[in-house]
Amino acid sequence: MERYVRQLAELSGVVSCCVFDVSSGLEVAHAGASPGAAELAMHGKALLGGMSASSRKLGLGHALPEALITLGSHHLLLRAVPGHAGIALHAVFDKSTNPMLARVQVQRLDAAIEGPAPG
């Protein structure tokens, strides 16, 4: 996971990124500047939890949602880490970054993840 987040941090426009445990909100790996790992993990857990609850209440399924959120000066990308149940990514991109291109670049890095998480 450390290698994965280091590679993510090298993408154009990445300010900070964190891989975290969705159930506990604890960070697994982090790279980049502020916001830090604990803050990204905590807020990522809250955002994904809210989206998951809404999805279930609307009868749209139980899968971990993927979200691309545009804020005033940044974009947030939240998504499950493929092959690692219960682990998610929360990445912050600079506003000048094309959010859809950023999402595609992150998907391309999924190959960098080696095998399932221990546990």
Protein backbone atom coordinates (compact mmCIF):
# COMPACT_ATOMS: atom_id res chain seq x y z
CA MET A 1 0.00 0.00 0.00
CA GLU A 2 2.90 2.36 0.68
CA ARG A 3 4.11 1.99 -2.89
CA TYR A 4 0.57 2.48 -4.19
CA VAL A 5 0.08 5.79 -2.35
CA ARG A 6 3.56 7.00 -3.34
CA GLN A 7 2.66 6.38 -6.97
CA LEU A 8 -0.68 8.13 -6.49
CA ALA A 9 1.07 11.13 -4.93
CA GLU A 10 3.21 11.44 -8.08
CA LEU A 11 0.15 11.98 -10.29
CA SER A 12 -0.28 15.50 -11.58
CA GLY A 13 -2.37 17.63 -9.25
CA VAL A 14 -2.40 15.31 -6.22
CA VAL A 15 -2.20 17.29 -3.00
CA SER A 16 -2.63 14.42 -0.54
CA CYS A 17 -3.89 10.83 -0.59
CA CYS A 18 -4.67 8.20 2.00
CA VAL A 19 -5.66 4.55 1.97
CA PHE A 20 -7.74 3.69 5.02
CA ASP A 21 -9.83 1.00 6.67
CA VAL A 22 -13.47 1.86 6.02
CA SER A 23 -14.87 0.28 9.20
CA SER A 24 -12.40 1.77 11.67
CA GLY A 25 -11.37 4.93 9.84
CA LEU A 26 -7.71 4.17 10.54
CA GLU A 27 -5.14 5.10 7.94
CA VAL A 28 -3.18 2.32 6.24
CA ALA A 29 -0.86 4.48 4.12
CA HIS A 30 -0.52 8.18 3.27
CA ALA A 31 1.48 10.39 0.93
CA GLY A 32 1.43 14.07 0.16
CA ALA A 33 0.93 17.26 2.09
CA SER A 34 -2.01 18.51 4.10
CA PRO A 35 -4.60 17.25 4.90
CA GLY A 36 -2.82 14.53 6.80
CA ALA A 37 -3.55 10.83 6.98
CA ALA A 38 -5.79 10.83 10.06
CA GLU A 39 -7.92 13.68 8.76
CA LEU A 40 -8.32 12.15 5.28
CA ALA A 41 -9.18 8.75 6.76
CA MET A 42 -11.72 10.17 9.22
CA HIS A 43 -13.50 12.31 6.64
CA GLY A 44 -13.30 9.60 3.98
CA LYS A 45 -14.99 7.17 6.37
CA ALA A 46 -17.73 9.71 7.09
CA LEU A 47 -18.34 10.51 3.42
CA LEU A 48 -18.40 6.87 2.30
CA GLY A 49 -20.59 5.94 5.28
CA GLY A 50 -23.15 8.58 4.34
CA MET A 51 -23.17 7.59 0.68
CA SER A 52 -23.44 3.88 1.56
CA ALA A 53 -26.36 4.51 3.92
CA SER A 54 -28.17 6.56 1.27
CA SER A 55 -27.58 3.88 -1.34
CA ARG A 56 -29.01 1.19 0.93
CA LYS A 57 -32.05 3.30 1.91
CA LEU A 58 -32.79 3.99 -1.76
CA GLY A 59 -32.48 0.29 -2.59
CA LEU A 60 -29.50 0.89 -4.87
CA GLY A 61 -27.19 -1.75 -3.42
CA HIS A 62 -24.60 -2.34 -0.76
CA ALA A 63 -21.33 -1.96 -2.69
CA LEU A 64 -18.83 0.62 -1.50
CA PRO A 65 -19.59 3.76 -3.52
CA GLU A 66 -17.14 5.67 -5.66
CA ALA A 67 -17.36 9.46 -5.58
CA LEU A 68 -15.71 12.33 -7.36
CA ILE A 69 -16.55 15.54 -5.50
CA THR A 70 -15.70 19.06 -6.64
CA LEU A 71 -15.15 21.64 -3.93
CA GLY A 72 -14.18 25.31 -4.19
CA SER A 73 -10.47 24.76 -4.72
CA HIS A 74 -10.05 20.97 -4.84
CA HIS A 75 -11.49 17.70 -6.12
CA LEU A 76 -11.92 14.66 -3.86
CA LEU A 77 -11.85 11.09 -5.11
CA LEU A 78 -13.17 8.33 -2.85
CA ARG A 79 -13.21 4.73 -3.97
CA ALA A 80 -12.62 1.16 -2.87
CA VAL A 81 -9.13 -0.21 -3.31
CA PRO A 82 -9.54 -3.16 -5.72
CA GLY A 83 -8.77 -6.57 -4.26
CA HIS A 84 -8.70 -5.25 -0.68
CA ALA A 85 -12.10 -5.61 0.98
CA GLY A 86 -12.90 -2.82 3.42
CA ILE A 87 -10.02 -0.60 2.26
CA ALA A 88 -10.66 2.69 0.46
CA LEU A 89 -8.76 5.57 -1.10
CA HIS A 90 -9.36 9.25 -0.33
CA ALA A 91 -7.36 11.50 -2.67
CA VAL A 92 -7.31 15.30 -2.88
CA PHE A 93 -6.52 16.91 -6.22
CA ASP A 94 -5.86 20.56 -7.01
CA LYS A 95 -8.82 22.31 -8.65
CA SER A 96 -6.83 22.80 -11.89
CA THR A 97 -6.77 19.00 -12.37
CA ASN A 98 -9.27 17.46 -14.77
CA PRO A 99 -11.23 15.25 -12.33
CA MET A 100 -12.20 12.61 -14.88
CA LEU A 101 -8.62 12.30 -16.11
CA ALA A 102 -7.46 11.99 -12.49
CA ARG A 103 -9.95 9.15 -11.94
CA VAL A 104 -8.67 7.31 -15.03
CA GLN A 105 -5.05 7.74 -13.89
CA VAL A 106 -5.92 6.30 -10.47
CA GLN A 107 -7.62 3.32 -12.11
CA ARG A 108 -4.46 2.66 -14.12
CA LEU A 109 -2.44 2.48 -10.91
CA ASP A 110 -4.66 -0.29 -9.56
CA ALA A 111 -2.25 -2.75 -11.17
CA ALA A 112 0.38 -1.57 -8.66
CA ILE A 113 -1.53 -3.23 -5.83
CA GLU A 114 -0.06 -6.64 -5.13
CA GLY A 115 -2.47 -9.27 -3.83
CA PRO A 116 -5.06 -9.04 -1.08
CA ALA A 117 -4.45 -7.16 2.13
CA PRO A 118 -3.18 -9.23 5.04
CA GLY A 119 -5.69 -10.06 7.69
